[in-house]
C-alpha cells in the first residue's frame, strides 16, 4: 500500500490505519475515536455507533486516499462511509 497525504485504510468495518493526516479537525477526531477505546486486534474491534459517526466525520475531513485493506480497492468518501455504517448489518 502506498501511503501519502491524508491516507486512510479501512478494514473490518473500521479504521485500520492512517498516515499524513495534517487536517487539525481530522486529527482531533482520530484522537477522540481512539479515546473511546479500540482493540489492538482490528478483527475483534467493534465500533460503537458514536465511533462509526466519528470515522465518517474523519472521512469527510480528509482530502486524500481511502483504501479498503481487504481488496486494495479505493473508495470515494460516499463509498467509505457506506462501508463503515453498513458493515455487519
PDB file of N, CA and C in Angstrom:
ATOM      1  N   UNK A   1       0.825  -1.182   0.000  1.00  0.00           N
ATOM      2  CA  UNK A   1       0.000   0.000   0.000  1.00  0.00           C
ATOM      3  C   UNK A   1       0.871   1.248   0.000  1.00  0.00           C
ATOM      4  N   UNK A   2       0.584   2.124  -0.892  1.00  0.00           N
ATOM      5  CA  UNK A   2       1.299   3.393  -0.969  1.00  0.00           C
ATOM      6  C   UNK A   2       0.672   4.367   0.022  1.00  0.00           C
ATOM      7  N   UNK A   3       1.494   4.943   0.864  1.00  0.00           N
ATOM      8  CA  UNK A   3       0.980   5.896   1.840  1.00  0.00           C
ATOM      9  C   UNK A   3       1.354   7.304   1.418  1.00  0.00           C
ATOM     10  N   UNK A   4       0.413   8.186   1.538  1.00  0.00           N
ATOM     11  CA  UNK A   4       0.596   9.569   1.113  1.00  0.00           C
ATOM     12  C   UNK A   4      -0.169  10.486   2.048  1.00  0.00           C
ATOM     13  N   UNK A   5      -0.279  11.741   1.678  1.00  0.00           N
ATOM     14  CA  UNK A   5      -1.029  12.711   2.469  1.00  0.00           C
ATOM     15  C   UNK A   5      -2.486  12.273   2.617  1.00  0.00           C
ATOM     16  N   UNK A   6      -2.998  12.406   3.838  1.00  0.00           N
ATOM     17  CA  UNK A   6      -4.401  12.063   4.111  1.00  0.00           C
ATOM     18  C   UNK A   6      -4.768  10.685   3.568  1.00  0.00           C
ATOM     19  N   UNK A   7      -4.114   9.689   4.082  1.00  0.00           N
ATOM     20  CA  UNK A   7      -4.324   8.317   3.627  1.00  0.00           C
ATOM     21  C   UNK A   7      -4.999   7.522   4.733  1.00  0.00           C
ATOM     22  N   UNK A   8      -6.195   6.978   4.449  1.00  0.00           N
ATOM     23  CA  UNK A   8      -6.915   6.143   5.405  1.00  0.00           C
ATOM     24  C   UNK A   8      -7.022   4.724   4.872  1.00  0.00           C
ATOM     25  N   UNK A   9      -6.893   3.758   5.768  1.00  0.00           N
ATOM     26  CA  UNK A   9      -7.083   2.353   5.429  1.00  0.00           C
ATOM     27  C   UNK A   9      -8.232   1.830   6.286  1.00  0.00           C
ATOM     28  N   UNK A  10      -9.200   1.211   5.634  1.00  0.00           N
ATOM     29  CA  UNK A  10     -10.354   0.639   6.320  1.00  0.00           C
ATOM     30  C   UNK A  10     -10.270  -0.880   6.286  1.00  0.00           C
ATOM     31  N   UNK A  11     -10.727  -1.521   7.356  1.00  0.00           N
ATOM     32  CA  UNK A  11     -10.787  -2.984   7.400  1.00  0.00           C
ATOM     33  C   UNK A  11     -11.716  -3.384   8.535  1.00  0.00           C
ATOM     34  N   UNK A  12     -12.419  -4.492   8.357  1.00  0.00           N
ATOM     35  CA  UNK A  12     -13.350  -4.992   9.372  1.00  0.00           C
ATOM     36  C   UNK A  12     -14.401  -3.940   9.711  1.00  0.00           C
ATOM     37  N   UNK A  13     -14.747  -3.096   8.770  1.00  0.00           N
ATOM     38  CA  UNK A  13     -15.759  -2.077   9.005  1.00  0.00           C
ATOM     39  C   UNK A  13     -15.305  -0.953   9.910  1.00  0.00           C
ATOM     40  N   UNK A  14     -13.997  -0.759  10.017  1.00  0.00           N
ATOM     41  CA  UNK A  14     -13.460   0.255  10.919  1.00  0.00           C
ATOM     42  C   UNK A  14     -12.239   0.926  10.296  1.00  0.00           C
ATOM     43  N   UNK A  15     -11.674   1.820  11.050  1.00  0.00           N
ATOM     44  CA  UNK A  15     -10.446   2.497  10.657  1.00  0.00           C
ATOM     45  C   UNK A  15      -9.276   1.635  11.103  1.00  0.00           C
ATOM     46  N   UNK A  16      -8.474   1.175  10.154  1.00  0.00           N
ATOM     47  CA  UNK A  16      -7.338   0.318  10.484  1.00  0.00           C
ATOM     48  C   UNK A  16      -6.045   1.117  10.606  1.00  0.00           C
ATOM     49  N   UNK A  17      -5.839   2.068   9.707  1.00  0.00           N
ATOM     50  CA  UNK A  17      -4.576   2.794   9.672  1.00  0.00           C
ATOM     51  C   UNK A  17      -4.805   4.154   9.021  1.00  0.00           C
ATOM     52  N   UNK A  18      -3.890   5.063   9.291  1.00  0.00           N
ATOM     53  CA  UNK A  18      -3.925   6.393   8.672  1.00  0.00           C
ATOM     54  C   UNK A  18      -2.517   6.937   8.648  1.00  0.00           C
ATOM     55  N   UNK A  19      -2.266   7.803   7.710  1.00  0.00           N
ATOM     56  CA  UNK A  19      -0.968   8.479   7.659  1.00  0.00           C
ATOM     57  C   UNK A  19      -1.124   9.812   6.954  1.00  0.00           C
ATOM     58  N   UNK A  20      -0.217  10.709   7.250  1.00  0.00           N
ATOM     59  CA  UNK A  20      -0.188  12.001   6.581  1.00  0.00           C
ATOM     60  C   UNK A  20      -1.366  12.897   6.864  1.00  0.00           C
ATOM     61  N   UNK A  21      -2.129  12.607   7.907  1.00  0.00           N
ATOM     62  CA  UNK A  21      -3.301  13.420   8.213  1.00  0.00           C
ATOM     63  C   UNK A  21      -2.835  14.687   8.930  1.00  0.00           C
ATOM     64  N   UNK A  22      -2.934  15.813   8.237  1.00  0.00           N
ATOM     65  CA  UNK A  22      -2.491  17.094   8.785  1.00  0.00           C
ATOM     66  C   UNK A  22      -3.642  18.034   9.118  1.00  0.00           C
ATOM     67  N   UNK A  23      -4.843  17.679   8.689  1.00  0.00           N
ATOM     68  CA  UNK A  23      -6.014  18.495   8.973  1.00  0.00           C
ATOM     69  C   UNK A  23      -6.260  18.485  10.489  1.00  0.00           C
ATOM     70  N   UNK A  24      -6.218  19.658  11.140  1.00  0.00           N
ATOM     71  CA  UNK A  24      -6.380  19.698  12.600  1.00  0.00           C
ATOM     72  C   UNK A  24      -7.686  19.070  13.093  1.00  0.00           C
ATOM     73  N   UNK A  25      -8.772  19.294  12.370  1.00  0.00           N
ATOM     74  CA  UNK A  25     -10.058  18.726  12.791  1.00  0.00           C
ATOM     75  C   UNK A  25     -10.024  17.202  12.669  1.00  0.00           C
ATOM     76  N   UNK A  26      -9.455  16.687  11.584  1.00  0.00           N
ATOM     77  CA  UNK A  26      -9.353  15.234  11.404  1.00  0.00           C
ATOM     78  C   UNK A  26      -8.478  14.619  12.490  1.00  0.00           C
ATOM     79  N   UNK A  27      -7.381  15.289  12.840  1.00  0.00           N
ATOM     80  CA  UNK A  27      -6.501  14.792  13.910  1.00  0.00           C
ATOM     81  C   UNK A  27      -7.252  14.703  15.234  1.00  0.00           C
ATOM     82  N   UNK A  28      -8.028  15.731  15.549  1.00  0.00           N
ATOM     83  CA  UNK A  28      -8.804  15.725  16.794  1.00  0.00           C
ATOM     84  C   UNK A  28      -9.845  14.614  16.785  1.00  0.00           C
ATOM     85  N   UNK A  29     -10.450  14.384  15.630  1.00  0.00           N
ATOM     86  CA  UNK A  29     -11.439  13.313  15.525  1.00  0.00           C
ATOM     87  C   UNK A  29     -10.789  11.941  15.703  1.00  0.00           C
ATOM     88  N   UNK A  30      -9.603  11.754  15.151  1.00  0.00           N
ATOM     89  CA  UNK A  30      -8.886  10.488  15.334  1.00  0.00           C
ATOM     90  C   UNK A  30      -8.576  10.286  16.818  1.00  0.00           C
ATOM     91  N   UNK A  31      -8.117  11.329  17.488  1.00  0.00           N
ATOM     92  CA  UNK A  31      -7.842  11.243  18.926  1.00  0.00           C
ATOM     93  C   UNK A  31      -9.108  10.888  19.704  1.00  0.00           C
ATOM     94  N   UNK A  32     -10.222  11.500  19.334  1.00  0.00           N
ATOM     95  CA  UNK A  32     -11.499  11.224  20.000  1.00  0.00           C
ATOM     96  C   UNK A  32     -11.900   9.766  19.793  1.00  0.00           C
ATOM     97  N   UNK A  33     -11.761   9.265  18.556  1.00  0.00           N
ATOM     98  CA  UNK A  33     -12.083   7.867  18.244  1.00  0.00           C
ATOM     99  C   UNK A  33     -11.219   6.934  19.086  1.00  0.00           C
ATOM    100  N   UNK A  34      -9.927   7.231  19.178  1.00  0.00           N
ATOM    101  CA  UNK A  34      -9.013   6.397  19.960  1.00  0.00           C
ATOM    102  C   UNK A  34      -9.367   6.411  21.447  1.00  0.00           C
ATOM    103  N   UNK A  35      -9.728   7.574  21.979  1.00  0.00           N
ATOM    104  CA  UNK A  35     -10.056   7.694  23.407  1.00  0.00           C
ATOM    105  C   UNK A  35     -11.306   6.915  23.784  1.00  0.00           C
ATOM    106  N   UNK A  36     -12.184   6.692  22.823  1.00  0.00           N
ATOM    107  CA  UNK A  36     -13.391   5.911  23.101  1.00  0.00           C
ATOM    108  C   UNK A  36     -13.076   4.428  23.255  1.00  0.00           C
ATOM    109  N   UNK A  37     -11.867   4.045  22.890  1.00  0.00           N
ATOM    110  CA  UNK A  37     -11.426   2.667  23.084  1.00  0.00           C
ATOM    111  C   UNK A  37     -11.450   1.859  21.808  1.00  0.00           C
ATOM    112  N   UNK A  38     -10.301   1.310  21.466  1.00  0.00           N
ATOM    113  CA  UNK A  38     -10.193   0.425  20.309  1.00  0.00           C
ATOM    114  C   UNK A  38      -9.382  -0.796  20.708  1.00  0.00           C
ATOM    115  N   UNK A  39      -9.702  -1.912  20.104  1.00  0.00           N
ATOM    116  CA  UNK A  39      -8.987  -3.154  20.363  1.00  0.00           C
ATOM    117  C   UNK A  39      -7.684  -3.159  19.573  1.00  0.00           C
ATOM    118  N   UNK A  40      -6.673  -3.793  20.110  1.00  0.00           N
ATOM    119  CA  UNK A  40      -5.414  -3.939  19.377  1.00  0.00           C
ATOM    120  C   UNK A  40      -5.596  -4.879  18.187  1.00  0.00           C
ATOM    121  N   UNK A  41      -6.677  -5.641  18.186  1.00  0.00           N
ATOM    122  CA  UNK A  41      -6.993  -6.535  17.076  1.00  0.00           C
ATOM    123  C   UNK A  41      -8.141  -5.935  16.280  1.00  0.00           C
ATOM    124  N   UNK A  42      -7.869  -5.525  15.059  1.00  0.00           N
ATOM    125  CA  UNK A  42      -8.925  -4.947  14.216  1.00  0.00           C
ATOM    126  C   UNK A  42     -10.062  -5.938  14.013  1.00  0.00           C
ATOM    127  N   UNK A  43      -9.734  -7.232  13.959  1.00  0.00           N
ATOM    128  CA  UNK A  43     -10.752  -8.259  13.748  1.00  0.00           C
ATOM    129  C   UNK A  43     -11.731  -8.313  14.926  1.00  0.00           C
ATOM    130  N   UNK A  44     -11.249  -8.095  16.131  1.00  0.00           N
ATOM    131  CA  UNK A  44     -12.091  -8.180  17.319  1.00  0.00           C
ATOM    132  C   UNK A  44     -12.763  -6.864  17.677  1.00  0.00           C
ATOM    133  N   UNK A  45     -12.278  -5.772  17.122  1.00  0.00           N
ATOM    134  CA  UNK A  45     -12.822  -4.456  17.447  1.00  0.00           C
ATOM    135  C   UNK A  45     -14.183  -4.251  16.797  1.00  0.00           C
ATOM    136  N   UNK A  46     -15.120  -3.746  17.578  1.00  0.00           N
ATOM    137  CA  UNK A  46     -16.449  -3.401  17.067  1.00  0.00           C
ATOM    138  C   UNK A  46     -16.727  -1.954  17.450  1.00  0.00           C
ATOM    139  N   UNK A  47     -16.806  -1.093  16.448  1.00  0.00           N
ATOM    140  CA  UNK A  47     -17.075   0.320  16.707  1.00  0.00           C
ATOM    141  C   UNK A  47     -18.491   0.513  17.227  1.00  0.00           C
ATOM    142  N   UNK A  48     -18.627   1.431  18.160  1.00  0.00           N
ATOM    143  CA  UNK A  48     -19.945   1.843  18.628  1.00  0.00           C
ATOM    144  C   UNK A  48     -20.559   2.744  17.551  1.00  0.00           C
ATOM    145  N   UNK A  49     -21.865   3.000  17.631  1.00  0.00           N
ATOM    146  CA  UNK A  49     -22.451   3.951  16.678  1.00  0.00           C
ATOM    147  C   UNK A  49     -21.744   5.311  16.712  1.00  0.00           C
ATOM    148  N   UNK A  50     -21.338   5.758  17.905  1.00  0.00           N
ATOM    149  CA  UNK A  50     -20.620   7.038  18.011  1.00  0.00           C
ATOM    150  C   UNK A  50     -19.273   6.970  17.291  1.00  0.00           C
ATOM    151  N   UNK A  51     -18.555   5.866  17.451  1.00  0.00           N
ATOM    152  CA  UNK A  51     -17.268   5.717  16.778  1.00  0.00           C
ATOM    153  C   UNK A  51     -17.446   5.676  15.262  1.00  0.00           C
ATOM    154  N   UNK A  52     -18.496   5.006  14.794  1.00  0.00           N
ATOM    155  CA  UNK A  52     -18.753   4.958  13.351  1.00  0.00           C
ATOM    156  C   UNK A  52     -19.002   6.361  12.808  1.00  0.00           C
ATOM    157  N   UNK A  53     -19.760   7.143  13.558  1.00  0.00           N
ATOM    158  CA  UNK A  53     -20.036   8.518  13.135  1.00  0.00           C
ATOM    159  C   UNK A  53     -18.751   9.339  13.103  1.00  0.00           C
ATOM    160  N   UNK A  54     -17.880   9.131  14.073  1.00  0.00           N
ATOM    161  CA  UNK A  54     -16.601   9.848  14.102  1.00  0.00           C
ATOM    162  C   UNK A  54     -15.755   9.464  12.890  1.00  0.00           C
ATOM    163  N   UNK A  55     -15.714   8.182  12.553  1.00  0.00           N
ATOM    164  CA  UNK A  55     -14.952   7.751  11.372  1.00  0.00           C
ATOM    165  C   UNK A  55     -15.503   8.428  10.122  1.00  0.00           C
ATOM    166  N   UNK A  56     -16.819   8.514  10.013  1.00  0.00           N
ATOM    167  CA  UNK A  56     -17.417   9.189   8.855  1.00  0.00           C
ATOM    168  C   UNK A  56     -17.042  10.672   8.826  1.00  0.00           C
ATOM    169  N   UNK A  57     -16.948  11.300   9.986  1.00  0.00           N
ATOM    170  CA  UNK A  57     -16.517  12.699  10.045  1.00  0.00           C
ATOM    171  C   UNK A  57     -15.056  12.831   9.617  1.00  0.00           C
ATOM    172  N   UNK A  58     -14.228  11.873  10.031  1.00  0.00           N
ATOM    173  CA  UNK A  58     -12.822  11.870   9.603  1.00  0.00           C
ATOM    174  C   UNK A  58     -12.757  11.773   8.084  1.00  0.00           C
ATOM    175  N   UNK A  59     -13.536  10.867   7.523  1.00  0.00           N
ATOM    176  CA  UNK A  59     -13.577  10.683   6.067  1.00  0.00           C
ATOM    177  C   UNK A  59     -13.953  11.993   5.383  1.00  0.00           C
ATOM    178  N   UNK A  60     -14.940  12.689   5.931  1.00  0.00           N
ATOM    179  CA  UNK A  60     -15.360  13.969   5.346  1.00  0.00           C
ATOM    180  C   UNK A  60     -14.262  15.028   5.412  1.00  0.00           C
ATOM    181  N   UNK A  61     -13.419  14.968   6.423  1.00  0.00           N
ATOM    182  CA  UNK A  61     -12.396  15.993   6.637  1.00  0.00           C
ATOM    183  C   UNK A  61     -11.138  15.823   5.785  1.00  0.00           C
ATOM    184  N   UNK A  62     -10.853  14.611   5.361  1.00  0.00           N
ATOM    185  CA  UNK A  62      -9.597  14.409   4.632  1.00  0.00           C
ATOM    186  C   UNK A  62      -9.770  14.668   3.140  1.00  0.00           C
ATOM    187  N   UNK A  63      -8.655  14.922   2.479  1.00  0.00           N
ATOM    188  CA  UNK A  63      -8.671  15.172   1.038  1.00  0.00           C
ATOM    189  C   UNK A  63      -7.863  14.137   0.270  1.00  0.00           C
ATOM    190  N   UNK A  64      -7.483  13.060   0.923  1.00  0.00           N
ATOM    191  CA  UNK A  64      -6.609  12.084   0.281  1.00  0.00           C
ATOM    192  C   UNK A  64      -7.296  10.781  -0.063  1.00  0.00           C
ATOM    193  N   UNK A  65      -6.511   9.729  -0.016  1.00  0.00           N
ATOM    194  CA  UNK A  65      -6.905   8.402  -0.455  1.00  0.00           C
ATOM    195  C   UNK A  65      -7.559   7.613   0.672  1.00  0.00           C
ATOM    196  N   UNK A  66      -8.611   6.872   0.314  1.00  0.00           N
ATOM    197  CA  UNK A  66      -9.266   5.956   1.244  1.00  0.00           C
ATOM    198  C   UNK A  66      -9.247   4.585   0.585  1.00  0.00           C
ATOM    199  N   UNK A  67      -8.670   3.618   1.275  1.00  0.00           N
ATOM    200  CA  UNK A  67      -8.491   2.290   0.683  1.00  0.00           C
ATOM    201  C   UNK A  67      -9.011   1.209   1.619  1.00  0.00           C
ATOM    202  N   UNK A  68      -9.643   0.182   1.035  1.00  0.00           N
ATOM    203  CA  UNK A  68     -10.072  -0.990   1.784  1.00  0.00           C
ATOM    204  C   UNK A  68      -8.923  -1.987   1.792  1.00  0.00           C
ATOM    205  N   UNK A  69      -8.516  -2.410   2.970  1.00  0.00           N
ATOM    206  CA  UNK A  69      -7.367  -3.305   3.104  1.00  0.00           C
ATOM    207  C   UNK A  69      -7.653  -4.724   2.613  1.00  0.00           C
ATOM    208  N   UNK A  70      -8.914  -5.125   2.560  1.00  0.00           N
ATOM    209  CA  UNK A  70      -9.248  -6.475   2.102  1.00  0.00           C
ATOM    210  C   UNK A  70      -8.911  -6.687   0.638  1.00  0.00           C
ATOM    211  N   UNK A  71      -9.352  -5.757  -0.188  1.00  0.00           N
ATOM    212  CA  UNK A  71      -9.220  -5.955  -1.634  1.00  0.00           C
ATOM    213  C   UNK A  71      -8.380  -4.870  -2.313  1.00  0.00           C
ATOM    214  N   UNK A  72      -7.818  -3.977  -1.530  1.00  0.00           N
ATOM    215  CA  UNK A  72      -6.996  -2.870  -2.032  1.00  0.00           C
ATOM    216  C   UNK A  72      -7.755  -1.908  -2.939  1.00  0.00           C
ATOM    217  N   UNK A  73      -9.088  -1.968  -2.912  1.00  0.00           N
ATOM    218  CA  UNK A  73      -9.879  -1.035  -3.717  1.00  0.00           C
ATOM    219  C   UNK A  73      -9.897   0.337  -3.051  1.00  0.00           C
ATOM    220  N   UNK A  74      -9.942   1.357  -3.895  1.00  0.00           N
ATOM    221  CA  UNK A  74     -10.020   2.730  -3.420  1.00  0.00           C
ATOM    222  C   UNK A  74     -11.479   3.157  -3.390  1.00  0.00           C
ATOM    223  N   UNK A  75     -11.855   3.869  -2.343  1.00  0.00           N
ATOM    224  CA  UNK A  75     -13.234   4.289  -2.145  1.00  0.00           C
ATOM    225  C   UNK A  75     -13.363   5.802  -2.277  1.00  0.00           C
ATOM    226  N   UNK A  76     -14.515   6.211  -2.772  1.00  0.00           N
ATOM    227  CA  UNK A  76     -14.901   7.613  -2.658  1.00  0.00           C
ATOM    228  C   UNK A  76     -15.322   7.828  -1.201  1.00  0.00           C
ATOM    229  N   UNK A  77     -15.500   9.060  -0.813  1.00  0.00           N
ATOM    230  CA  UNK A  77     -15.967   9.333   0.545  1.00  0.00           C
ATOM    231  C   UNK A  77     -17.325   8.679   0.789  1.00  0.00           C
ATOM    232  N   UNK A  78     -18.194   8.765  -0.193  1.00  0.00           N
ATOM    233  CA  UNK A  78     -19.529   8.180  -0.062  1.00  0.00           C
ATOM    234  C   UNK A  78     -19.437   6.660   0.110  1.00  0.00           C
ATOM    235  N   UNK A  79     -18.616   5.999  -0.691  1.00  0.00           N
ATOM    236  CA  UNK A  79     -18.448   4.549  -0.580  1.00  0.00           C
ATOM    237  C   UNK A  79     -17.855   4.164   0.774  1.00  0.00           C
ATOM    238  N   UNK A  80     -16.880   4.926   1.230  1.00  0.00           N
ATOM    239  CA  UNK A  80     -16.221   4.630   2.508  1.00  0.00           C
ATOM    240  C   UNK A  80     -17.207   4.755   3.670  1.00  0.00           C
ATOM    241  N   UNK A  81     -17.999   5.796   3.670  1.00  0.00           N
ATOM    242  CA  UNK A  81     -18.966   5.987   4.752  1.00  0.00           C
ATOM    243  C   UNK A  81     -20.038   4.902   4.724  1.00  0.00           C
ATOM    244  N   UNK A  82     -20.452   4.504   3.543  1.00  0.00           N
ATOM    245  CA  UNK A  82     -21.427   3.415   3.428  1.00  0.00           C
ATOM    246  C   UNK A  82     -20.833   2.119   3.979  1.00  0.00           C
ATOM    247  N   UNK A  83     -19.576   1.839   3.655  1.00  0.00           N
ATOM    248  CA  UNK A  83     -18.889   0.650   4.158  1.00  0.00           C
ATOM    249  C   UNK A  83     -18.852   0.665   5.690  1.00  0.00           C
ATOM    250  N   UNK A  84     -18.474   1.788   6.273  1.00  0.00           N
ATOM    251  CA  UNK A  84     -18.391   1.900   7.735  1.00  0.00           C
ATOM    252  C   UNK A  84     -19.764   1.718   8.375  1.00  0.00           C
ATOM    253  N   UNK A  85     -20.755   2.417   7.887  1.00  0.00           N
ATOM    254  CA  UNK A  85     -22.074   2.406   8.524  1.00  0.00           C
ATOM    255  C   UNK A  85     -22.835   1.097   8.319  1.00  0.00           C
ATOM    256  N   UNK A  86     -22.552   0.381   7.240  1.00  0.00           N
ATOM    257  CA  UNK A  86     -23.322  -0.825   6.931  1.00  0.00           C
ATOM    258  C   UNK A  86     -22.584  -2.130   7.194  1.00  0.00           C
ATOM    259  N   UNK A  87     -21.369  -2.057   7.683  1.00  0.00           N
ATOM    260  CA  UNK A  87     -20.593  -3.278   7.912  1.00  0.00           C
ATOM    261  C   UNK A  87     -21.299  -4.157   8.949  1.00  0.00           C
ATOM    262  N   UNK A  88     -21.433  -5.440   8.622  1.00  0.00           N
ATOM    263  CA  UNK A  88     -22.060  -6.443   9.500  1.00  0.00           C
ATOM    264  C   UNK A  88     -23.531  -6.172   9.780  1.00  0.00           C
ATOM    265  N   UNK A  89     -24.236  -5.585   8.853  1.00  0.00           N
ATOM    266  CA  UNK A  89     -25.672  -5.365   9.056  1.00  0.00           C
ATOM    267  C   UNK A  89     -26.465  -6.165   8.074  1.00  0.00           C
TER     268      UNK A  89
END
